[in-house]
Amino acid sequence: QEAFTRDPHGGDLYVFRGKSGKLIKILWHDGLGMSLYAKRLER
């Protein structure tokens, strides 16, 4: 909302990567609530 001036509740997916590049997080609002998904690569 503040840095990207986007609506986090609009239904778009927002993907963030950790500093090491092994972790990503996906933020999504489905109209009912906010979900946060995470995936970490082993290699």
PDB file of all heavy atoms in Angstrom:
ATOM      1  N   GLN A   1       0.818  -1.218   0.000  1.00  0.00           N
ATOM      2  CA  GLN A   1       0.000   0.000   0.000  1.00  0.00           C
ATOM      3  C   GLN A   1       0.850   1.266   0.000  1.00  0.00           C
ATOM      4  O   GLN A   1       0.608   2.181  -0.790  1.00  0.00           O
ATOM      5  CB  GLN A   1      -0.921  -0.011   1.210  1.00  0.00           C
ATOM      6  CG  GLN A   1      -1.849   1.184   1.307  1.00  0.00           C
ATOM      7  CD  GLN A   1      -2.795   1.026   2.463  1.00  0.00           C
ATOM      8  OE1 GLN A   1      -3.535   0.074   2.517  1.00  0.00           O
ATOM      9  NE2 GLN A   1      -2.743   1.962   3.391  1.00  0.00           N
ATOM     10  N   GLU A   2       1.865   1.323   0.850  1.00  0.00           N
ATOM     11  CA  GLU A   2       2.624   2.565   1.010  1.00  0.00           C
ATOM     12  C   GLU A   2       3.801   2.698   0.043  1.00  0.00           C
ATOM     13  O   GLU A   2       4.005   3.757  -0.530  1.00  0.00           O
ATOM     14  CB  GLU A   2       3.108   2.693   2.449  1.00  0.00           C
ATOM     15  CG  GLU A   2       1.952   2.899   3.412  1.00  0.00           C
ATOM     16  CD  GLU A   2       2.383   3.102   4.842  1.00  0.00           C
ATOM     17  OE1 GLU A   2       3.591   2.955   5.149  1.00  0.00           O
ATOM     18  OE2 GLU A   2       1.505   3.413   5.668  1.00  0.00           O
ATOM     19  N   ALA A   3       4.571   1.647  -0.149  1.00  0.00           N
ATOM     20  CA  ALA A   3       5.756   1.753  -1.001  1.00  0.00           C
ATOM     21  C   ALA A   3       5.419   1.628  -2.482  1.00  0.00           C
ATOM     22  O   ALA A   3       6.024   2.286  -3.315  1.00  0.00           O
ATOM     23  CB  ALA A   3       6.784   0.697  -0.599  1.00  0.00           C
ATOM     24  N   PHE A   4       4.443   0.779  -2.802  1.00  0.00           N
ATOM     25  CA  PHE A   4       4.112   0.543  -4.206  1.00  0.00           C
ATOM     26  C   PHE A   4       2.839   1.256  -4.644  1.00  0.00           C
ATOM     27  O   PHE A   4       2.458   1.193  -5.797  1.00  0.00           O
ATOM     28  CB  PHE A   4       3.973  -0.952  -4.471  1.00  0.00           C
ATOM     29  CG  PHE A   4       5.195  -1.751  -4.099  1.00  0.00           C
ATOM     30  CD1 PHE A   4       5.067  -2.961  -3.441  1.00  0.00           C
ATOM     31  CD2 PHE A   4       6.470  -1.299  -4.392  1.00  0.00           C
ATOM     32  CE1 PHE A   4       6.183  -3.706  -3.098  1.00  0.00           C
ATOM     33  CE2 PHE A   4       7.597  -2.033  -4.047  1.00  0.00           C
ATOM     34  CZ  PHE A   4       7.451  -3.236  -3.401  1.00  0.00           C
ATOM     35  N   THR A   5       2.170   1.920  -3.706  1.00  0.00           N
ATOM     36  CA  THR A   5       0.892   2.619  -3.941  1.00  0.00           C
ATOM     37  C   THR A   5      -0.096   1.752  -4.715  1.00  0.00           C
ATOM     38  O   THR A   5      -0.697   2.165  -5.698  1.00  0.00           O
ATOM     39  CB  THR A   5       1.096   3.985  -4.652  1.00  0.00           C
ATOM     40  OG1 THR A   5       1.703   3.781  -5.924  1.00  0.00           O
ATOM     41  CG2 THR A   5       1.933   4.920  -3.802  1.00  0.00           C
ATOM     42  N   ARG A   6      -0.248   0.522  -4.255  1.00  0.00           N
ATOM     43  CA  ARG A   6      -1.196  -0.447  -4.821  1.00  0.00           C
ATOM     44  C   ARG A   6      -2.174  -0.861  -3.736  1.00  0.00           C
ATOM     45  O   ARG A   6      -1.914  -0.698  -2.551  1.00  0.00           O
ATOM     46  CB  ARG A   6      -0.468  -1.693  -5.340  1.00  0.00           C
ATOM     47  CG  ARG A   6       0.675  -1.449  -6.285  1.00  0.00           C
ATOM     48  CD  ARG A   6       0.171  -1.236  -7.691  1.00  0.00           C
ATOM     49  NE  ARG A   6       1.256  -0.904  -8.580  1.00  0.00           N
ATOM     50  CZ  ARG A   6       1.584  -1.595  -9.645  1.00  0.00           C
ATOM     51  NH1 ARG A   6       0.911  -2.674  -9.966  1.00  0.00           N
ATOM     52  NH2 ARG A   6       2.572  -1.208 -10.412  1.00  0.00           N
ATOM     53  N   ASP A   7      -3.286  -1.435  -4.153  1.00  0.00           N
ATOM     54  CA  ASP A   7      -4.302  -1.899  -3.212  1.00  0.00           C
ATOM     55  C   ASP A   7      -4.045  -3.367  -2.872  1.00  0.00           C
ATOM     56  O   ASP A   7      -4.263  -4.237  -3.718  1.00  0.00           O
ATOM     57  CB  ASP A   7      -5.692  -1.739  -3.818  1.00  0.00           C
ATOM     58  CG  ASP A   7      -6.808  -2.228  -2.906  1.00  0.00           C
ATOM     59  OD1 ASP A   7      -6.535  -2.526  -1.730  1.00  0.00           O
ATOM     60  OD2 ASP A   7      -7.947  -2.313  -3.391  1.00  0.00           O
ATOM     61  N   PRO A   8      -3.585  -3.681  -1.669  1.00  0.00           N
ATOM     62  CA  PRO A   8      -3.304  -5.070  -1.311  1.00  0.00           C
ATOM     63  C   PRO A   8      -4.553  -5.933  -1.189  1.00  0.00           C
ATOM     64  O   PRO A   8      -4.460  -7.149  -1.119  1.00  0.00           O
ATOM     65  CB  PRO A   8      -2.581  -4.961   0.037  1.00  0.00           C
ATOM     66  CG  PRO A   8      -3.057  -3.670   0.607  1.00  0.00           C
ATOM     67  CD  PRO A   8      -3.307  -2.759  -0.564  1.00  0.00           C
ATOM     68  N   HIS A   9      -5.732  -5.301  -1.189  1.00  0.00           N
ATOM     69  CA  HIS A   9      -6.989  -6.040  -1.062  1.00  0.00           C
ATOM     70  C   HIS A   9      -7.701  -6.210  -2.398  1.00  0.00           C
ATOM     71  O   HIS A   9      -8.838  -6.644  -2.451  1.00  0.00           O
ATOM     72  CB  HIS A   9      -7.915  -5.320  -0.073  1.00  0.00           C
ATOM     73  CG  HIS A   9      -7.289  -5.131   1.262  1.00  0.00           C
ATOM     74  ND1 HIS A   9      -6.738  -3.926   1.651  1.00  0.00           N
ATOM     75  CD2 HIS A   9      -7.075  -5.992   2.284  1.00  0.00           C
ATOM     76  CE1 HIS A   9      -6.233  -4.062   2.872  1.00  0.00           C
ATOM     77  NE2 HIS A   9      -6.420  -5.299   3.269  1.00  0.00           N
ATOM     78  N   GLY A  10      -7.037  -5.871  -3.502  1.00  0.00           N
ATOM     79  CA  GLY A  10      -7.655  -5.880  -4.816  1.00  0.00           C
ATOM     80  C   GLY A  10      -7.683  -7.223  -5.522  1.00  0.00           C
ATOM     81  O   GLY A  10      -8.226  -7.322  -6.614  1.00  0.00           O
ATOM     82  N   GLY A  11      -7.089  -8.250  -4.941  1.00  0.00           N
ATOM     83  CA  GLY A  11      -7.122  -9.577  -5.556  1.00  0.00           C
ATOM     84  C   GLY A  11      -5.867  -9.937  -6.337  1.00  0.00           C
ATOM     85  O   GLY A  11      -5.747 -11.061  -6.814  1.00  0.00           O
ATOM     86  N   ASP A  12      -4.932  -9.008  -6.492  1.00  0.00           N
ATOM     87  CA  ASP A  12      -3.671  -9.316  -7.169  1.00  0.00           C
ATOM     88  C   ASP A  12      -2.761 -10.101  -6.233  1.00  0.00           C
ATOM     89  O   ASP A  12      -2.888 -10.027  -5.013  1.00  0.00           O
ATOM     90  CB  ASP A  12      -2.949  -8.033  -7.587  1.00  0.00           C
ATOM     91  CG  ASP A  12      -3.688  -7.279  -8.679  1.00  0.00           C
ATOM     92  OD1 ASP A  12      -4.356  -7.928  -9.503  1.00  0.00           O
ATOM     93  OD2 ASP A  12      -3.586  -6.042  -8.692  1.00  0.00           O
ATOM     94  N   LEU A  13      -1.834 -10.839  -6.818  1.00  0.00           N
ATOM     95  CA  LEU A  13      -0.808 -11.532  -6.045  1.00  0.00           C
ATOM     96  C   LEU A  13       0.413 -10.629  -5.955  1.00  0.00           C
ATOM     97  O   LEU A  13       0.816 -10.028  -6.946  1.00  0.00           O
ATOM     98  CB  LEU A  13      -0.394 -12.842  -6.729  1.00  0.00           C
ATOM     99  CG  LEU A  13      -1.469 -13.907  -6.894  1.00  0.00           C
ATOM    100  CD1 LEU A  13      -0.910 -15.083  -7.667  1.00  0.00           C
ATOM    101  CD2 LEU A  13      -1.979 -14.359  -5.544  1.00  0.00           C
ATOM    102  N   TYR A  14       1.005 -10.554  -4.786  1.00  0.00           N
ATOM    103  CA  TYR A  14       2.234  -9.802  -4.577  1.00  0.00           C
ATOM    104  C   TYR A  14       3.289 -10.783  -4.092  1.00  0.00           C
ATOM    105  O   TYR A  14       3.097 -11.458  -3.083  1.00  0.00           O
ATOM    106  CB  TYR A  14       2.014  -8.665  -3.575  1.00  0.00           C
ATOM    107  CG  TYR A  14       1.055  -7.642  -4.114  1.00  0.00           C
ATOM    108  CD1 TYR A  14      -0.302  -7.700  -3.812  1.00  0.00           C
ATOM    109  CD2 TYR A  14       1.504  -6.645  -4.972  1.00  0.00           C
ATOM    110  CE1 TYR A  14      -1.189  -6.771  -4.344  1.00  0.00           C
ATOM    111  CE2 TYR A  14       0.627  -5.710  -5.505  1.00  0.00           C
ATOM    112  CZ  TYR A  14      -0.713  -5.787  -5.186  1.00  0.00           C
ATOM    113  OH  TYR A  14      -1.585  -4.879  -5.727  1.00  0.00           O
ATOM    114  N   VAL A  15       4.380 -10.871  -4.839  1.00  0.00           N
ATOM    115  CA  VAL A  15       5.416 -11.863  -4.569  1.00  0.00           C
ATOM    116  C   VAL A  15       6.664 -11.142  -4.080  1.00  0.00           C
ATOM    117  O   VAL A  15       7.123 -10.185  -4.702  1.00  0.00           O
ATOM    118  CB  VAL A  15       5.732 -12.686  -5.838  1.00  0.00           C
ATOM    119  CG1 VAL A  15       6.752 -13.774  -5.536  1.00  0.00           C
ATOM    120  CG2 VAL A  15       4.454 -13.293  -6.423  1.00  0.00           C
ATOM    121  N   PHE A  16       7.224 -11.623  -2.983  1.00  0.00           N
ATOM    122  CA  PHE A  16       8.421 -11.055  -2.372  1.00  0.00           C
ATOM    123  C   PHE A  16       9.472 -12.153  -2.253  1.00  0.00           C
ATOM    124  O   PHE A  16       9.148 -13.290  -1.933  1.00  0.00           O
ATOM    125  CB  PHE A  16       8.112 -10.519  -0.969  1.00  0.00           C
ATOM    126  CG  PHE A  16       7.034  -9.474  -0.955  1.00  0.00           C
ATOM    127  CD1 PHE A  16       5.706  -9.841  -0.829  1.00  0.00           C
ATOM    128  CD2 PHE A  16       7.357  -8.133  -1.074  1.00  0.00           C
ATOM    129  CE1 PHE A  16       4.696  -8.884  -0.819  1.00  0.00           C
ATOM    130  CE2 PHE A  16       6.361  -7.169  -1.074  1.00  0.00           C
ATOM    131  CZ  PHE A  16       5.027  -7.542  -0.940  1.00  0.00           C
ATOM    132  N   ARG A  17      10.726 -11.799  -2.492  1.00  0.00           N
ATOM    133  CA  ARG A  17      11.818 -12.758  -2.370  1.00  0.00           C
ATOM    134  C   ARG A  17      12.712 -12.361  -1.212  1.00  0.00           C
ATOM    135  O   ARG A  17      13.002 -11.174  -1.016  1.00  0.00           O
ATOM    136  CB  ARG A  17      12.650 -12.800  -3.647  1.00  0.00           C
ATOM    137  CG  ARG A  17      13.731 -13.875  -3.611  1.00  0.00           C
ATOM    138  CD  ARG A  17      14.543 -13.887  -4.866  1.00  0.00           C
ATOM    139  NE  ARG A  17      15.479 -12.772  -4.835  1.00  0.00           N
ATOM    140  CZ  ARG A  17      16.599 -12.733  -5.519  1.00  0.00           C
ATOM    141  NH1 ARG A  17      16.919 -13.725  -6.321  1.00  0.00           N
ATOM    142  NH2 ARG A  17      17.400 -11.693  -5.441  1.00  0.00           N
ATOM    143  N   GLY A  18      13.168 -13.339  -0.464  1.00  0.00           N
ATOM    144  CA  GLY A  18      14.109 -13.089   0.628  1.00  0.00           C
ATOM    145  C   GLY A  18      15.472 -12.695   0.095  1.00  0.00           C
ATOM    146  O   GLY A  18      15.783 -12.909  -1.078  1.00  0.00           O
ATOM    147  N   LYS A  19      16.315 -12.140   0.948  1.00  0.00           N
ATOM    148  CA  LYS A  19      17.632 -11.657   0.535  1.00  0.00           C
ATOM    149  C   LYS A  19      18.509 -12.747  -0.064  1.00  0.00           C
ATOM    150  O   LYS A  19      19.258 -12.509  -0.999  1.00  0.00           O
ATOM    151  CB  LYS A  19      18.360 -11.016   1.718  1.00  0.00           C
ATOM    152  CG  LYS A  19      17.772  -9.698   2.126  1.00  0.00           C
ATOM    153  CD  LYS A  19      18.544  -9.099   3.278  1.00  0.00           C
ATOM    154  CE  LYS A  19      17.892  -7.805   3.724  1.00  0.00           C
ATOM    155  NZ  LYS A  19      18.587  -7.198   4.843  1.00  0.00           N
ATOM    156  N   SER A  20      18.433 -13.953   0.464  1.00  0.00           N
ATOM    157  CA  SER A  20      19.277 -15.036  -0.040  1.00  0.00           C
ATOM    158  C   SER A  20      18.759 -15.609  -1.351  1.00  0.00           C
ATOM    159  O   SER A  20      19.482 -16.327  -2.040  1.00  0.00           O
ATOM    160  CB  SER A  20      19.371 -16.160   0.994  1.00  0.00           C
ATOM    161  OG  SER A  20      18.126 -16.844   1.073  1.00  0.00           O
ATOM    162  N   GLY A  21      17.511 -15.321  -1.710  1.00  0.00           N
ATOM    163  CA  GLY A  21      16.930 -15.836  -2.945  1.00  0.00           C
ATOM    164  C   GLY A  21      16.347 -17.229  -2.814  1.00  0.00           C
ATOM    165  O   GLY A  21      15.833 -17.784  -3.776  1.00  0.00           O
ATOM    166  N   LYS A  22      16.388 -17.800  -1.615  1.00  0.00           N
ATOM    167  CA  LYS A  22      15.876 -19.153  -1.409  1.00  0.00           C
ATOM    168  C   LYS A  22      14.428 -19.185  -0.925  1.00  0.00           C
ATOM    169  O   LYS A  22      13.817 -20.230  -0.874  1.00  0.00           O
ATOM    170  CB  LYS A  22      16.751 -19.899  -0.409  1.00  0.00           C
ATOM    171  CG  LYS A  22      18.136 -20.173  -0.925  1.00  0.00           C
ATOM    172  CD  LYS A  22      18.951 -20.907   0.114  1.00  0.00           C
ATOM    173  CE  LYS A  22      20.295 -21.259  -0.421  1.00  0.00           C
ATOM    174  NZ  LYS A  22      20.400 -22.638  -0.803  1.00  0.00           N
ATOM    175  N   LEU A  23      13.882 -18.039  -0.562  1.00  0.00           N
ATOM    176  CA  LEU A  23      12.538 -17.961  -0.002  1.00  0.00           C
ATOM    177  C   LEU A  23      11.720 -16.934  -0.767  1.00  0.00           C
ATOM    178  O   LEU A  23      12.211 -15.842  -1.062  1.00  0.00           O
ATOM    179  CB  LEU A  23      12.607 -17.550   1.475  1.00  0.00           C
ATOM    180  CG  LEU A  23      11.279 -17.275   2.186  1.00  0.00           C
ATOM    181  CD1 LEU A  23      10.502 -18.562   2.396  1.00  0.00           C
ATOM    182  CD2 LEU A  23      11.521 -16.566   3.496  1.00  0.00           C
ATOM    183  N   ILE A  24      10.491 -17.299  -1.105  1.00  0.00           N
ATOM    184  CA  ILE A  24       9.555 -16.313  -1.624  1.00  0.00           C
ATOM    185  C   ILE A  24       8.283 -16.380  -0.798  1.00  0.00           C
ATOM    186  O   ILE A  24       7.931 -17.419  -0.241  1.00  0.00           O
ATOM    187  CB  ILE A  24       9.220 -16.477  -3.124  1.00  0.00           C
ATOM    188  CG1 ILE A  24       8.568 -17.817  -3.404  1.00  0.00           C
ATOM    189  CG2 ILE A  24      10.421 -16.253  -3.994  1.00  0.00           C
ATOM    190  CD1 ILE A  24       8.013 -17.908  -4.803  1.00  0.00           C
ATOM    191  N   LYS A  25       7.616 -15.241  -0.717  1.00  0.00           N
ATOM    192  CA  LYS A  25       6.325 -15.143  -0.043  1.00  0.00           C
ATOM    193  C   LYS A  25       5.347 -14.501  -1.012  1.00  0.00           C
ATOM    194  O   LYS A  25       5.696 -13.563  -1.724  1.00  0.00           O
ATOM    195  CB  LYS A  25       6.429 -14.296   1.222  1.00  0.00           C
ATOM    196  CG  LYS A  25       7.276 -14.941   2.291  1.00  0.00           C
ATOM    197  CD  LYS A  25       7.343 -14.095   3.527  1.00  0.00           C
ATOM    198  CE  LYS A  25       8.205 -14.786   4.577  1.00  0.00           C
ATOM    199  NZ  LYS A  25       8.292 -13.998   5.798  1.00  0.00           N
ATOM    200  N   ILE A  26       4.131 -15.039  -1.026  1.00  0.00           N
ATOM    201  CA  ILE A  26       3.087 -14.524  -1.900  1.00  0.00           C
ATOM    202  C   ILE A  26       1.932 -14.051  -1.038  1.00  0.00           C
ATOM    203  O   ILE A  26       1.393 -14.811  -0.231  1.00  0.00           O
ATOM    204  CB  ILE A  26       2.602 -15.598  -2.887  1.00  0.00           C
ATOM    205  CG1 ILE A  26       3.778 -16.103  -3.737  1.00  0.00           C
ATOM    206  CG2 ILE A  26       1.485 -15.047  -3.776  1.00  0.00           C
ATOM    207  CD1 ILE A  26       3.436 -17.275  -4.617  1.00  0.00           C
ATOM    208  N   LEU A  27       1.565 -12.801  -1.218  1.00  0.00           N
ATOM    209  CA  LEU A  27       0.469 -12.184  -0.479  1.00  0.00           C
ATOM    210  C   LEU A  27      -0.729 -12.075  -1.410  1.00  0.00           C
ATOM    211  O   LEU A  27      -0.603 -11.612  -2.536  1.00  0.00           O
ATOM    212  CB  LEU A  27       0.900 -10.790  -0.011  1.00  0.00           C
ATOM    213  CG  LEU A  27      -0.076 -10.024   0.863  1.00  0.00           C
ATOM    214  CD1 LEU A  27      -0.160 -10.672   2.243  1.00  0.00           C
ATOM    215  CD2 LEU A  27       0.369  -8.574   0.988  1.00  0.00           C
ATOM    216  N   TRP A  28      -1.903 -12.500  -0.923  1.00  0.00           N
ATOM    217  CA  TRP A  28      -3.110 -12.471  -1.751  1.00  0.00           C
ATOM    218  C   TRP A  28      -4.333 -12.281  -0.871  1.00  0.00           C
ATOM    219  O   TRP A  28      -4.490 -12.943   0.149  1.00  0.00           O
ATOM    220  CB  TRP A  28      -3.226 -13.769  -2.532  1.00  0.00           C
ATOM    221  CG  TRP A  28      -4.483 -13.908  -3.317  1.00  0.00           C
ATOM    222  CD1 TRP A  28      -4.964 -13.040  -4.251  1.00  0.00           C
ATOM    223  CD2 TRP A  28      -5.412 -14.990  -3.267  1.00  0.00           C
ATOM    224  NE1 TRP A  28      -6.138 -13.518  -4.781  1.00  0.00           N
ATOM    225  CE2 TRP A  28      -6.435 -14.721  -4.192  1.00  0.00           C
ATOM    226  CE3 TRP A  28      -5.480 -16.172  -2.533  1.00  0.00           C
ATOM    227  CZ2 TRP A  28      -7.509 -15.572  -4.407  1.00  0.00           C
ATOM    228  CZ3 TRP A  28      -6.544 -17.019  -2.750  1.00  0.00           C
ATOM    229  CH2 TRP A  28      -7.543 -16.720  -3.672  1.00  0.00           C
ATOM    230  N   HIS A  29      -5.191 -11.384  -1.285  1.00  0.00           N
ATOM    231  CA  HIS A  29      -6.472 -11.182  -0.602  1.00  0.00           C
ATOM    232  C   HIS A  29      -7.564 -11.718  -1.520  1.00  0.00           C
ATOM    233  O   HIS A  29      -7.710 -11.273  -2.654  1.00  0.00           O
ATOM    234  CB  HIS A  29      -6.707  -9.700  -0.292  1.00  0.00           C
ATOM    235  CG  HIS A  29      -7.823  -9.485   0.672  1.00  0.00           C
ATOM    236  ND1 HIS A  29      -9.143  -9.507   0.292  1.00  0.00           N
ATOM    237  CD2 HIS A  29      -7.821  -9.284   2.006  1.00  0.00           C
ATOM    238  CE1 HIS A  29      -9.904  -9.301   1.348  1.00  0.00           C
ATOM    239  NE2 HIS A  29      -9.129  -9.167   2.407  1.00  0.00           N
ATOM    240  N   ASP A  30      -8.333 -12.686  -1.038  1.00  0.00           N
ATOM    241  CA  ASP A  30      -9.339 -13.351  -1.871  1.00  0.00           C
ATOM    242  C   ASP A  30     -10.728 -12.745  -1.743  1.00  0.00           C
ATOM    243  O   ASP A  30     -11.694 -13.301  -2.243  1.00  0.00           O
ATOM    244  CB  ASP A  30      -9.394 -14.838  -1.552  1.00  0.00           C
ATOM    245  CG  ASP A  30      -9.868 -15.137  -0.140  1.00  0.00           C
ATOM    246  OD1 ASP A  30     -10.159 -14.184   0.622  1.00  0.00           O
ATOM    247  OD2 ASP A  30      -9.951 -16.319   0.215  1.00  0.00           O
ATOM    248  N   GLY A  31     -10.848 -11.612  -1.091  1.00  0.00           N
ATOM    249  CA  GLY A  31     -12.147 -10.996  -0.881  1.00  0.00           C
ATOM    250  C   GLY A  31     -12.704 -11.279   0.501  1.00  0.00           C
ATOM    251  O   GLY A  31     -13.575 -10.570   0.979  1.00  0.00           O
ATOM    252  N   LEU A  32     -12.185 -12.329   1.139  1.00  0.00           N
ATOM    253  CA  LEU A  32     -12.621 -12.688   2.492  1.00  0.00           C
ATOM    254  C   LEU A  32     -11.533 -12.459   3.523  1.00  0.00           C
ATOM    255  O   LEU A  32     -11.813 -12.143   4.668  1.00  0.00           O
ATOM    256  CB  LEU A  32     -13.053 -14.154   2.539  1.00  0.00           C
ATOM    257  CG  LEU A  32     -14.228 -14.531   1.654  1.00  0.00           C
ATOM    258  CD1 LEU A  32     -14.457 -16.035   1.714  1.00  0.00           C
ATOM    259  CD2 LEU A  32     -15.468 -13.781   2.070  1.00  0.00           C
ATOM    260  N   GLY A  33     -10.295 -12.662   3.105  1.00  0.00           N
ATOM    261  CA  GLY A  33      -9.187 -12.512   4.042  1.00  0.00           C
ATOM    262  C   GLY A  33      -7.856 -12.551   3.322  1.00  0.00           C
ATOM    263  O   GLY A  33      -7.765 -12.917   2.153  1.00  0.00           O
ATOM    264  N   MET A  34      -6.819 -12.172   4.038  1.00  0.00           N
ATOM    265  CA  MET A  34      -5.468 -12.121   3.499  1.00  0.00           C
ATOM    266  C   MET A  34      -4.787 -13.464   3.702  1.00  0.00           C
ATOM    267  O   MET A  34      -4.860 -14.049   4.783  1.00  0.00           O
ATOM    268  CB  MET A  34      -4.667 -11.022   4.220  1.00  0.00           C
ATOM    269  CG  MET A  34      -3.366 -10.673   3.592  1.00  0.00           C
ATOM    270  SD  MET A  34      -3.502  -9.815   2.023  1.00  0.00           S
ATOM    271  CE  MET A  34      -4.090  -8.211   2.543  1.00  0.00           C
ATOM    272  N   SER A  35      -4.123 -13.951   2.651  1.00  0.00           N
ATOM    273  CA  SER A  35      -3.361 -15.201   2.721  1.00  0.00           C
ATOM    274  C   SER A  35      -1.903 -14.910   2.460  1.00  0.00           C
ATOM    275  O   SER A  35      -1.570 -14.040   1.644  1.00  0.00           O
ATOM    276  CB  SER A  35      -3.857 -16.197   1.669  1.00  0.00           C
ATOM    277  OG  SER A  35      -5.193 -16.561   1.900  1.00  0.00           O
ATOM    278  N   LEU A  36      -1.044 -15.635   3.139  1.00  0.00           N
ATOM    279  CA  LEU A  36       0.391 -15.526   2.929  1.00  0.00           C
ATOM    280  C   LEU A  36       0.925 -16.931   2.684  1.00  0.00           C
ATOM    281  O   LEU A  36       0.796 -17.817   3.523  1.00  0.00           O
ATOM    282  CB  LEU A  36       1.087 -14.909   4.154  1.00  0.00           C
ATOM    283  CG  LEU A  36       2.591 -14.731   4.046  1.00  0.00           C
ATOM    284  CD1 LEU A  36       2.951 -13.757   2.932  1.00  0.00           C
ATOM    285  CD2 LEU A  36       3.155 -14.252   5.374  1.00  0.00           C
ATOM    286  N   TYR A  37       1.483 -17.124   1.494  1.00  0.00           N
ATOM    287  CA  TYR A  37       2.064 -18.406   1.122  1.00  0.00           C
ATOM    288  C   TYR A  37       3.572 -18.236   1.088  1.00  0.00           C
ATOM    289  O   TYR A  37       4.067 -17.195   0.688  1.00  0.00           O
ATOM    290  CB  TYR A  37       1.579 -18.845  -0.261  1.00  0.00           C
ATOM    291  CG  TYR A  37       0.090 -19.009  -0.336  1.00  0.00           C
ATOM    292  CD1 TYR A  37      -0.719 -17.961  -0.739  1.00  0.00           C
ATOM    293  CD2 TYR A  37      -0.512 -20.211   0.005  1.00  0.00           C
ATOM    294  CE1 TYR A  37      -2.093 -18.097  -0.798  1.00  0.00           C
ATOM    295  CE2 TYR A  37      -1.887 -20.357  -0.048  1.00  0.00           C
ATOM    296  CZ  TYR A  37      -2.671 -19.294  -0.452  1.00  0.00           C
ATOM    297  OH  TYR A  37      -4.019 -19.435  -0.501  1.00  0.00           O
ATOM    298  N   ALA A  38       4.286 -19.276   1.481  1.00  0.00           N
ATOM    299  CA  ALA A  38       5.743 -19.223   1.468  1.00  0.00           C
ATOM    300  C   ALA A  38       6.292 -20.495   0.845  1.00  0.00           C
ATOM    301  O   ALA A  38       5.723 -21.577   1.002  1.00  0.00           O
ATOM    302  CB  ALA A  38       6.289 -19.064   2.880  1.00  0.00           C
ATOM    303  N   LYS A  39       7.401 -20.352   0.109  1.00  0.00           N
ATOM    304  CA  LYS A  39       8.095 -21.506  -0.455  1.00  0.00           C
ATOM    305  C   LYS A  39       9.590 -21.270  -0.303  1.00  0.00           C
ATOM    306  O   LYS A  39      10.102 -20.210  -0.650  1.00  0.00           O
ATOM    307  CB  LYS A  39       7.748 -21.692  -1.933  1.00  0.00           C
ATOM    308  CG  LYS A  39       8.408 -22.925  -2.534  1.00  0.00           C
ATOM    309  CD  LYS A  39       7.895 -23.218  -3.924  1.00  0.00           C
ATOM    310  CE  LYS A  39       8.514 -24.505  -4.440  1.00  0.00           C
ATOM    311  NZ  LYS A  39       7.959 -24.865  -5.753  1.00  0.00           N
ATOM    312  N   ARG A  40      10.274 -22.268   0.244  1.00  0.00           N
ATOM    313  CA  ARG A  40      11.725 -22.205   0.438  1.00  0.00           C
ATOM    314  C   ARG A  40      12.352 -23.321  -0.388  1.00  0.00           C
ATOM    315  O   ARG A  40      11.925 -24.474  -0.319  1.00  0.00           O
ATOM    316  CB  ARG A  40      12.083 -22.399   1.907  1.00  0.00           C
ATOM    317  CG  ARG A  40      13.565 -22.283   2.183  1.00  0.00           C
ATOM    318  CD  ARG A  40      13.909 -22.527   3.643  1.00  0.00           C
ATOM    319  NE  ARG A  40      13.075 -21.794   4.560  1.00  0.00           N
ATOM    320  CZ  ARG A  40      13.285 -20.533   4.969  1.00  0.00           C
ATOM    321  NH1 ARG A  40      14.309 -19.873   4.488  1.00  0.00           N
ATOM    322  NH2 ARG A  40      12.477 -19.955   5.826  1.00  0.00           N
ATOM    323  N   LEU A  41      13.352 -22.970  -1.180  1.00  0.00           N
ATOM    324  CA  LEU A  41      14.066 -23.956  -1.981  1.00  0.00           C
ATOM    325  C   LEU A  41      15.150 -24.623  -1.149  1.00  0.00           C
ATOM    326  O   LEU A  41      15.848 -23.956  -0.393  1.00  0.00           O
ATOM    327  CB  LEU A  41      14.708 -23.300  -3.208  1.00  0.00           C
ATOM    328  CG  LEU A  41      13.761 -22.773  -4.275  1.00  0.00           C
ATOM    329  CD1 LEU A  41      14.562 -22.111  -5.394  1.00  0.00           C
ATOM    330  CD2 LEU A  41      12.889 -23.874  -4.827  1.00  0.00           C
ATOM    331  N   GLU A  42      15.278 -25.921  -1.303  1.00  0.00           N
ATOM    332  CA  GLU A  42      16.348 -26.659  -0.630  1.00  0.00           C
ATOM    333  C   GLU A  42      17.677 -26.429  -1.341  1.00  0.00           C
ATOM    334  O   GLU A  42      18.725 -26.382  -0.715  1.00  0.00           O
ATOM    335  CB  GLU A  42      16.026 -28.154  -0.599  1.00  0.00           C
ATOM    336  CG  GLU A  42      14.774 -28.483   0.193  1.00  0.00           C
ATOM    337  CD  GLU A  42      14.896 -28.139   1.664  1.00  0.00           C
ATOM    338  OE1 GLU A  42      16.001 -28.312   2.238  1.00  0.00           O
ATOM    339  OE2 GLU A  42      13.900 -27.686   2.253  1.00  0.00           O
ATOM    340  N   ARG A  43      17.619 -26.331  -2.688  1.00  0.00           N
ATOM    341  CA  ARG A  43      18.824 -26.075  -3.486  1.00  0.00           C
ATOM    342  C   ARG A  43      18.508 -24.999  -4.507  1.00  0.00           C
ATOM    343  O   ARG A  43      17.396 -24.905  -5.002  1.00  0.00           O
ATOM    344  CB  ARG A  43      19.264 -27.336  -4.219  1.00  0.00           C
ATOM    345  CG  ARG A  43      19.865 -28.365  -3.294  1.00  0.00           C
ATOM    346  CD  ARG A  43      20.381 -29.520  -4.076  1.00  0.00           C
ATOM    347  NE  ARG A  43      19.221 -30.366  -4.408  1.00  0.00           N
ATOM    348  CZ  ARG A  43      19.234 -31.367  -5.260  1.00  0.00           C
ATOM    349  NH1 ARG A  43      20.317 -31.635  -5.922  1.00  0.00           N
ATOM    350  NH2 ARG A  43      18.162 -32.077  -5.468  1.00  0.00           N
TER     351      ARG A  43
END
